[in-house]
Amino acid sequence: MAFSDHSRRLTQAVSIHLWDGLCQYNGTPGVVHQLEKDWEVMDDDQVAMRVTTICIMVKDVAKSRQGDQIITPGRTWTVQQVLEDDGHVRRLWVS
């Protein structure tokens, strides 16, 4: 097994334990996610507001857009906006 395979498996194992587990993203099962409530963002008038976000690994989901569905244990979320994407982790505003 190559080093990259070991690295990928380690990243997935650590993510599952440190994050909130697995979800289904637009029909794709097994996507690691982290749910965060009360994330602060600025609206168009630069007024701070609190929103719920879900972080996912970019390697698991190539693209995200408004209207995508995320199914977590106990709730289905709808993506409102992509807030951050550093090429590794993507933060999505959900409701």
Protein backbone atom coordinates (compact mmCIF):
# COMPACT_ATOMS: atom_id res chain seq x y z
CA MET A 1 0.00 0.00 0.00
CA ALA A 2 1.39 3.42 -0.97
CA PHE A 3 1.95 6.26 1.49
CA SER A 4 -0.84 8.29 -0.15
CA ASP A 5 -3.27 5.44 0.56
CA HIS A 6 -2.24 5.37 4.22
CA SER A 7 -2.51 9.15 4.43
CA ARG A 8 -6.01 9.12 2.90
CA ARG A 9 -7.20 6.38 5.27
CA LEU A 10 -5.73 8.19 8.30
CA THR A 11 -7.37 11.50 7.30
CA GLN A 12 -10.74 9.80 6.89
CA ALA A 13 -10.49 7.94 10.22
CA VAL A 14 -9.47 11.04 12.17
CA SER A 15 -12.15 13.16 10.48
CA ILE A 16 -14.89 10.70 11.38
CA HIS A 17 -13.86 10.73 15.05
CA LEU A 18 -13.22 14.46 15.42
CA TRP A 19 -16.11 15.62 13.25
CA ASP A 20 -19.80 14.69 13.61
CA GLY A 21 -19.68 11.52 11.51
CA LEU A 22 -21.09 10.68 8.12
CA CYS A 23 -23.90 12.26 6.12
CA GLN A 24 -25.48 11.88 2.70
CA TYR A 25 -24.80 14.76 0.29
CA ASN A 26 -27.18 14.94 -2.69
CA GLY A 27 -27.51 11.18 -2.71
CA THR A 28 -23.81 10.46 -2.10
CA PRO A 29 -23.44 8.49 1.16
CA GLY A 30 -20.40 8.44 3.42
CA VAL A 31 -19.49 12.15 3.39
CA VAL A 32 -17.72 13.30 6.56
CA HIS A 33 -19.35 16.43 8.02
CA GLN A 34 -19.18 18.84 10.93
CA LEU A 35 -22.30 20.72 12.03
CA GLU A 36 -21.76 24.10 13.67
CA LYS A 37 -24.55 26.24 15.07
CA ASP A 38 -24.19 29.96 15.73
CA TRP A 39 -21.50 30.66 13.10
CA GLU A 40 -21.15 34.42 12.70
CA VAL A 41 -21.40 35.95 9.21
CA MET A 42 -21.98 39.47 7.95
CA ASP A 43 -25.08 40.24 5.89
CA ASP A 44 -25.11 42.67 2.94
CA ASP A 45 -25.34 45.64 5.35
CA GLN A 46 -22.32 44.39 7.37
CA VAL A 47 -24.55 43.42 10.30
CA ALA A 48 -23.43 40.30 12.15
CA MET A 49 -25.86 37.39 12.18
CA ARG A 50 -25.64 33.81 13.40
CA VAL A 51 -26.25 30.91 11.01
CA THR A 52 -25.95 27.13 11.03
CA THR A 53 -23.12 25.71 8.92
CA ILE A 54 -21.93 22.30 7.81
CA CYS A 55 -18.29 21.70 6.88
CA ILE A 56 -17.44 18.96 4.39
CA MET A 57 -14.22 17.74 2.81
CA VAL A 58 -13.74 19.05 -0.74
CA LYS A 59 -12.34 15.66 -1.79
CA ASP A 60 -15.71 14.09 -0.89
CA VAL A 61 -17.87 16.64 -2.75
CA ALA A 62 -16.35 18.37 -5.79
CA LYS A 63 -18.93 21.17 -6.04
CA SER A 64 -21.61 22.65 -3.82
CA ARG A 65 -24.38 25.06 -4.69
CA GLN A 66 -27.57 26.54 -3.30
CA GLY A 67 -30.34 23.97 -3.00
CA ASP A 68 -28.12 20.92 -2.40
CA GLN A 69 -29.51 18.52 0.21
CA ILE A 70 -27.51 17.17 3.15
CA ILE A 71 -29.03 14.36 5.20
CA THR A 72 -27.59 13.98 8.70
CA PRO A 73 -28.90 11.74 11.46
CA GLY A 74 -32.13 13.39 12.54
CA ARG A 75 -32.47 16.15 9.93
CA THR A 76 -32.27 17.12 6.27
CA TRP A 77 -30.48 20.43 5.57
CA THR A 78 -30.63 22.64 2.47
CA VAL A 79 -27.53 24.56 1.35
CA GLN A 80 -28.17 28.31 1.20
CA GLN A 81 -24.67 29.51 0.32
CA VAL A 82 -21.02 28.46 0.17
CA LEU A 83 -19.29 30.57 2.83
CA GLU A 84 -15.69 29.31 2.65
CA ASP A 85 -13.68 26.93 0.48
CA ASP A 86 -9.93 26.62 1.01
CA GLY A 87 -9.58 23.65 -1.33
CA HIS A 88 -9.57 21.20 1.58
CA VAL A 89 -12.65 22.05 3.67
CA ARG A 90 -15.81 23.78 2.46
CA ARG A 91 -18.16 25.61 4.88
CA LEU A 92 -21.81 25.72 3.82
CA TRP A 93 -24.59 27.89 5.24
CA VAL A 94 -27.54 25.53 5.73
CA SER A 95 -31.11 25.77 6.95
